[in-house]
Amino acid sequence: MARIKGAVVTRKRRKRVLKLAKGYWGAKSKHFKMAKQAVMKSGNYAYIGRRHRKRDFRRLWITRISAACKMRGINYSAFMHGLKKANIILNRKMLSEIAISEPETFTKLVDKVKSL
């Protein structure tokens, strides 16, 4: 019985890693060992970045809503509390879009909250 060698699988794995490391500086894009380390590290950074993006956008939306509320004489926390009391269910992304693109609609929301 002939011995099975793993050259094809090994070459495939190495090519996949080197393809992911394309564009990296110096030996990180040429040598498999260094490329593997760089790809693992960049994968970790990408994973963390995907979580940070969610935080950053939420912070941006809150800042926009807060600024729009202050222009209309109410603070952010009172506005959000009033929306919950009025059973108006809008997420922060949509509220920030309304505040930017449709200011008169946002003003109506603020007036509704103030009237409670």
N, C-alpha and C. Protein backbone atom coordinates (compact mmCIF):
# COMPACT_ATOMS: atom_id res chain seq x y z
N MET A 1 0.84 -1.18 0.00
CA MET A 1 0.00 0.00 0.00
C MET A 1 0.89 1.25 0.00
N ALA A 2 0.62 2.14 -0.91
CA ALA A 2 1.42 3.36 -1.04
C ALA A 2 1.07 4.35 0.07
N ARG A 3 2.08 5.10 0.47
CA ARG A 3 1.88 6.11 1.50
C ARG A 3 1.25 7.34 0.86
N ILE A 4 0.24 7.93 1.53
CA ILE A 4 -0.43 9.12 1.01
C ILE A 4 0.30 10.35 1.53
N LYS A 5 0.64 11.21 0.63
CA LYS A 5 1.35 12.43 1.01
C LYS A 5 0.37 13.60 0.98
N GLY A 6 0.62 14.62 1.78
CA GLY A 6 -0.32 15.75 1.92
C GLY A 6 0.09 17.00 1.20
N ALA A 7 0.86 16.85 0.11
CA ALA A 7 1.40 18.03 -0.57
C ALA A 7 0.29 18.92 -1.13
N VAL A 8 -0.74 18.30 -1.69
CA VAL A 8 -1.80 19.10 -2.32
C VAL A 8 -2.55 19.92 -1.27
N VAL A 9 -2.89 19.28 -0.16
CA VAL A 9 -3.62 19.96 0.90
C VAL A 9 -2.76 21.05 1.54
N THR A 10 -1.49 20.73 1.76
CA THR A 10 -0.58 21.70 2.36
C THR A 10 -0.42 22.92 1.46
N ARG A 11 -0.23 22.68 0.16
CA ARG A 11 -0.06 23.78 -0.79
C ARG A 11 -1.33 24.64 -0.84
N LYS A 12 -2.49 23.99 -0.80
CA LYS A 12 -3.76 24.72 -0.83
C LYS A 12 -3.89 25.62 0.39
N ARG A 13 -3.55 25.07 1.57
CA ARG A 13 -3.64 25.86 2.81
C ARG A 13 -2.69 27.05 2.76
N ARG A 14 -1.46 26.81 2.29
CA ARG A 14 -0.47 27.89 2.24
C ARG A 14 -0.88 28.97 1.23
N LYS A 15 -1.40 28.54 0.08
CA LYS A 15 -1.84 29.51 -0.91
C LYS A 15 -2.98 30.38 -0.38
N ARG A 16 -3.89 29.75 0.39
CA ARG A 16 -5.02 30.50 0.95
C ARG A 16 -4.53 31.57 1.92
N VAL A 17 -3.58 31.21 2.77
CA VAL A 17 -3.04 32.17 3.75
C VAL A 17 -2.27 33.28 3.04
N LEU A 18 -1.45 32.91 2.06
CA LEU A 18 -0.67 33.92 1.34
C LEU A 18 -1.58 34.85 0.54
N LYS A 19 -2.70 34.32 0.05
CA LYS A 19 -3.64 35.18 -0.67
C LYS A 19 -4.26 36.20 0.29
N LEU A 20 -4.58 35.78 1.51
CA LEU A 20 -5.13 36.70 2.51
C LEU A 20 -4.10 37.75 2.92
N ALA A 21 -2.80 37.38 2.86
CA ALA A 21 -1.74 38.29 3.29
C ALA A 21 -1.24 39.18 2.15
N LYS A 22 -1.88 39.11 1.00
CA LYS A 22 -1.46 39.91 -0.14
C LYS A 22 -1.55 41.39 0.20
N GLY A 23 -0.48 42.12 -0.10
CA GLY A 23 -0.46 43.55 0.18
C GLY A 23 0.19 43.90 1.51
N TYR A 24 0.50 42.90 2.33
CA TYR A 24 1.19 43.17 3.59
C TYR A 24 2.63 43.55 3.29
N TRP A 25 3.24 44.25 4.22
CA TRP A 25 4.57 44.79 4.01
C TRP A 25 5.64 43.73 4.23
N GLY A 26 6.62 43.70 3.35
CA GLY A 26 7.81 42.86 3.51
C GLY A 26 7.52 41.37 3.47
N ALA A 27 8.18 40.66 4.38
CA ALA A 27 8.11 39.20 4.39
C ALA A 27 6.74 38.69 4.81
N LYS A 28 5.91 39.56 5.38
CA LYS A 28 4.59 39.13 5.83
C LYS A 28 3.71 38.71 4.66
N SER A 29 4.06 39.14 3.46
CA SER A 29 3.26 38.75 2.30
C SER A 29 3.93 37.63 1.50
N LYS A 30 5.14 37.24 1.88
CA LYS A 30 5.89 36.26 1.10
C LYS A 30 6.13 34.94 1.85
N HIS A 31 6.50 35.04 3.11
CA HIS A 31 6.85 33.84 3.89
C HIS A 31 5.62 33.32 4.62
N PHE A 32 5.38 32.04 4.49
CA PHE A 32 4.16 31.46 5.04
C PHE A 32 4.06 31.65 6.55
N LYS A 33 5.15 31.41 7.27
CA LYS A 33 5.11 31.48 8.72
C LYS A 33 4.73 32.89 9.20
N MET A 34 5.35 33.90 8.62
CA MET A 34 5.05 35.28 9.01
C MET A 34 3.68 35.71 8.51
N ALA A 35 3.32 35.23 7.32
CA ALA A 35 2.01 35.57 6.77
C ALA A 35 0.90 35.00 7.64
N LYS A 36 1.09 33.80 8.12
CA LYS A 36 0.09 33.15 8.96
C LYS A 36 -0.13 33.96 10.24
N GLN A 37 0.95 34.41 10.85
CA GLN A 37 0.84 35.23 12.07
C GLN A 37 0.13 36.54 11.78
N ALA A 38 0.48 37.18 10.66
CA ALA A 38 -0.12 38.46 10.31
C ALA A 38 -1.60 38.31 10.01
N VAL A 39 -1.97 37.23 9.32
CA VAL A 39 -3.38 37.00 8.99
C VAL A 39 -4.19 36.73 10.25
N MET A 40 -3.62 35.97 11.18
CA MET A 40 -4.31 35.69 12.45
C MET A 40 -4.53 37.00 13.22
N LYS A 41 -3.50 37.83 13.27
CA LYS A 41 -3.59 39.10 14.00
C LYS A 41 -4.61 40.03 13.34
N SER A 42 -4.58 40.10 12.01
CA SER A 42 -5.52 40.98 11.32
C SER A 42 -6.95 40.47 11.46
N GLY A 43 -7.12 39.15 11.54
CA GLY A 43 -8.44 38.59 11.80
C GLY A 43 -8.97 39.00 13.15
N ASN A 44 -8.10 39.02 14.14
CA ASN A 44 -8.50 39.47 15.48
C ASN A 44 -8.90 40.94 15.46
N TYR A 45 -8.11 41.76 14.76
CA TYR A 45 -8.43 43.18 14.66
C TYR A 45 -9.77 43.38 13.96
N ALA A 46 -10.02 42.60 12.91
CA ALA A 46 -11.28 42.73 12.17
C ALA A 46 -12.46 42.35 13.06
N TYR A 47 -12.29 41.29 13.85
CA TYR A 47 -13.36 40.84 14.75
C TYR A 47 -13.69 41.93 15.77
N ILE A 48 -12.64 42.49 16.37
CA ILE A 48 -12.82 43.56 17.36
C ILE A 48 -13.46 44.79 16.70
N GLY A 49 -12.99 45.10 15.47
CA GLY A 49 -13.51 46.27 14.75
C GLY A 49 -14.98 46.17 14.45
N ARG A 50 -15.45 44.97 14.16
CA ARG A 50 -16.88 44.79 13.89
C ARG A 50 -17.71 45.10 15.12
N ARG A 51 -17.21 44.78 16.29
CA ARG A 51 -17.92 45.12 17.52
C ARG A 51 -17.82 46.61 17.83
N HIS A 52 -16.65 47.20 17.58
CA HIS A 52 -16.47 48.64 17.84
C HIS A 52 -17.34 49.48 16.93
N ARG A 53 -17.54 49.03 15.68
CA ARG A 53 -18.35 49.79 14.74
C ARG A 53 -19.78 49.98 15.28
N LYS A 54 -20.32 48.95 15.89
CA LYS A 54 -21.67 49.03 16.45
C LYS A 54 -21.72 50.07 17.57
N ARG A 55 -20.69 50.06 18.43
CA ARG A 55 -20.62 51.05 19.52
C ARG A 55 -20.51 52.45 18.97
N ASP A 56 -19.61 52.62 17.98
CA ASP A 56 -19.34 53.95 17.45
C ASP A 56 -20.57 54.55 16.78
N PHE A 57 -21.30 53.73 16.02
CA PHE A 57 -22.49 54.26 15.36
C PHE A 57 -23.56 54.63 16.37
N ARG A 58 -23.74 53.80 17.40
CA ARG A 58 -24.73 54.12 18.42
C ARG A 58 -24.37 55.45 19.09
N ARG A 59 -23.09 55.66 19.40
CA ARG A 59 -22.64 56.91 20.01
C ARG A 59 -22.91 58.09 19.09
N LEU A 60 -22.67 57.91 17.78
CA LEU A 60 -22.93 58.97 16.81
C LEU A 60 -24.41 59.33 16.76
N TRP A 61 -25.27 58.30 16.71
CA TRP A 61 -26.71 58.56 16.65
C TRP A 61 -27.19 59.30 17.89
N ILE A 62 -26.70 58.90 19.06
CA ILE A 62 -27.09 59.55 20.30
C ILE A 62 -26.64 61.01 20.31
N THR A 63 -25.44 61.27 19.82
CA THR A 63 -24.93 62.63 19.75
C THR A 63 -25.79 63.50 18.83
N ARG A 64 -26.17 62.94 17.69
CA ARG A 64 -27.01 63.70 16.75
C ARG A 64 -28.38 64.00 17.34
N ILE A 65 -28.98 62.99 17.98
CA ILE A 65 -30.31 63.19 18.59
C ILE A 65 -30.21 64.22 19.70
N SER A 66 -29.17 64.13 20.51
CA SER A 66 -28.98 65.05 21.62
C SER A 66 -28.85 66.49 21.12
N ALA A 67 -28.07 66.68 20.05
CA ALA A 67 -27.88 68.02 19.50
C ALA A 67 -29.21 68.57 18.96
N ALA A 68 -29.96 67.72 18.28
CA ALA A 68 -31.25 68.16 17.73
C ALA A 68 -32.24 68.49 18.85
N CYS A 69 -32.20 67.73 19.94
CA CYS A 69 -33.08 67.98 21.08
C CYS A 69 -32.73 69.30 21.76
N LYS A 70 -31.43 69.54 21.95
CA LYS A 70 -31.00 70.78 22.62
C LYS A 70 -31.43 72.01 21.83
N MET A 71 -31.44 71.91 20.50
CA MET A 71 -31.89 73.03 19.67
C MET A 71 -33.37 73.31 19.88
N ARG A 72 -34.11 72.30 20.34
CA ARG A 72 -35.55 72.45 20.54
C ARG A 72 -35.94 72.55 22.02
N GLY A 73 -34.95 72.72 22.88
CA GLY A 73 -35.21 73.01 24.28
C GLY A 73 -35.54 71.82 25.17
N ILE A 74 -35.00 70.68 24.88
CA ILE A 74 -35.20 69.49 25.72
C ILE A 74 -33.91 68.69 25.70
N ASN A 75 -33.64 68.00 26.80
CA ASN A 75 -32.42 67.20 26.78
C ASN A 75 -32.71 65.78 26.28
N TYR A 76 -31.64 65.05 25.97
CA TYR A 76 -31.75 63.73 25.34
C TYR A 76 -32.51 62.74 26.20
N SER A 77 -32.16 62.66 27.48
CA SER A 77 -32.77 61.65 28.34
C SER A 77 -34.27 61.91 28.53
N ALA A 78 -34.65 63.18 28.67
CA ALA A 78 -36.08 63.51 28.81
C ALA A 78 -36.83 63.18 27.52
N PHE A 79 -36.18 63.42 26.39
CA PHE A 79 -36.80 63.11 25.10
C PHE A 79 -37.03 61.61 24.94
N MET A 80 -36.03 60.81 25.25
CA MET A 80 -36.16 59.36 25.12
C MET A 80 -37.20 58.81 26.09
N HIS A 81 -37.21 59.35 27.29
CA HIS A 81 -38.20 58.93 28.28
C HIS A 81 -39.62 59.27 27.81
N GLY A 82 -39.76 60.46 27.24
CA GLY A 82 -41.06 60.88 26.72
C GLY A 82 -41.53 60.01 25.56
N LEU A 83 -40.60 59.60 24.71
CA LEU A 83 -40.96 58.71 23.60
C LEU A 83 -41.47 57.37 24.12
N LYS A 84 -40.82 56.85 25.14
CA LYS A 84 -41.27 55.58 25.72
C LYS A 84 -42.65 55.72 26.35
N LYS A 85 -42.87 56.85 27.05
CA LYS A 85 -44.18 57.09 27.67
C LYS A 85 -45.28 57.24 26.63
N ALA A 86 -44.93 57.85 25.48
CA ALA A 86 -45.91 58.08 24.42
C ALA A 86 -46.09 56.87 23.51
N ASN A 87 -45.38 55.78 23.82
CA ASN A 87 -45.44 54.55 23.01
C ASN A 87 -44.99 54.78 21.57
N ILE A 88 -44.04 55.65 21.38
CA ILE A 88 -43.45 55.86 20.06
C ILE A 88 -42.18 55.00 19.99
N ILE A 89 -42.24 53.98 19.16
CA ILE A 89 -41.13 53.02 19.10
C ILE A 89 -40.30 53.31 17.85
N LEU A 90 -39.24 54.08 18.02
CA LEU A 90 -38.28 54.36 16.95
C LEU A 90 -36.88 54.13 17.51
N ASN A 91 -36.05 53.47 16.74
CA ASN A 91 -34.69 53.26 17.23
C ASN A 91 -33.84 54.51 17.00
N ARG A 92 -32.67 54.54 17.59
CA ARG A 92 -31.83 55.73 17.56
C ARG A 92 -31.35 56.06 16.16
N LYS A 93 -31.12 55.03 15.35
CA LYS A 93 -30.67 55.26 13.97
C LYS A 93 -31.73 56.04 13.20
N MET A 94 -32.98 55.62 13.31
CA MET A 94 -34.06 56.29 12.60
C MET A 94 -34.31 57.69 13.15
N LEU A 95 -34.22 57.84 14.48
CA LEU A 95 -34.40 59.17 15.08
C LEU A 95 -33.34 60.15 14.58
N SER A 96 -32.09 59.68 14.47
CA SER A 96 -31.04 60.58 13.99
C SER A 96 -31.24 60.92 12.52
N GLU A 97 -31.72 59.96 11.73
CA GLU A 97 -32.02 60.25 10.32
C GLU A 97 -33.15 61.27 10.19
N ILE A 98 -34.17 61.10 11.02
CA ILE A 98 -35.29 62.06 11.00
C ILE A 98 -34.80 63.45 11.41
N ALA A 99 -33.96 63.50 12.43
CA ALA A 99 -33.44 64.79 12.91
C ALA A 99 -32.65 65.51 11.83
N ILE A 100 -31.95 64.76 10.98
CA ILE A 100 -31.11 65.38 9.94
C ILE A 100 -31.94 65.72 8.70
N SER A 101 -32.68 64.73 8.19
CA SER A 101 -33.33 64.90 6.89
C SER A 101 -34.72 65.53 6.97
N GLU A 102 -35.43 65.35 8.10
CA GLU A 102 -36.78 65.91 8.23
C GLU A 102 -36.92 66.63 9.57
N PRO A 103 -36.35 67.84 9.68
CA PRO A 103 -36.38 68.55 10.96
C PRO A 103 -37.78 68.88 11.47
N GLU A 104 -38.72 69.15 10.55
CA GLU A 104 -40.08 69.50 11.00
C GLU A 104 -40.77 68.30 11.65
N THR A 105 -40.51 67.10 11.14
CA THR A 105 -41.06 65.89 11.76
C THR A 105 -40.47 65.68 13.14
N PHE A 106 -39.16 65.93 13.25
CA PHE A 106 -38.50 65.79 14.55
C PHE A 106 -39.06 66.80 15.54
N THR A 107 -39.33 68.01 15.07
CA THR A 107 -39.92 69.03 15.93
C THR A 107 -41.29 68.57 16.44
N LYS A 108 -42.08 67.93 15.57
CA LYS A 108 -43.38 67.40 15.99
C LYS A 108 -43.23 66.34 17.07
N LEU A 109 -42.20 65.50 16.91
CA LEU A 109 -41.93 64.47 17.94
C LEU A 109 -41.60 65.13 19.27
N VAL A 110 -40.75 66.17 19.22
CA VAL A 110 -40.36 66.87 20.45
C VAL A 110 -41.59 67.53 21.09
N ASP A 111 -42.45 68.14 20.28
CA ASP A 111 -43.66 68.77 20.80
C ASP A 111 -44.57 67.74 21.46
N LYS A 112 -44.68 66.57 20.85
CA LYS A 112 -45.50 65.50 21.40
C LYS A 112 -44.96 65.07 22.76
N VAL A 113 -43.63 64.95 22.85
CA VAL A 113 -42.98 64.55 24.11
C VAL A 113 -43.18 65.62 25.17
N LYS A 114 -43.05 66.89 24.79
CA LYS A 114 -43.19 67.99 25.75
C LYS A 114 -44.61 68.10 26.28
N SER A 115 -45.60 67.73 25.47
CA SER A 115 -46.98 67.86 25.87
C SER A 115 -47.40 66.81 26.92
N LEU A 116 -46.59 65.75 27.07
CA LEU A 116 -46.92 64.72 28.06
C LEU A 116 -46.63 65.17 29.48
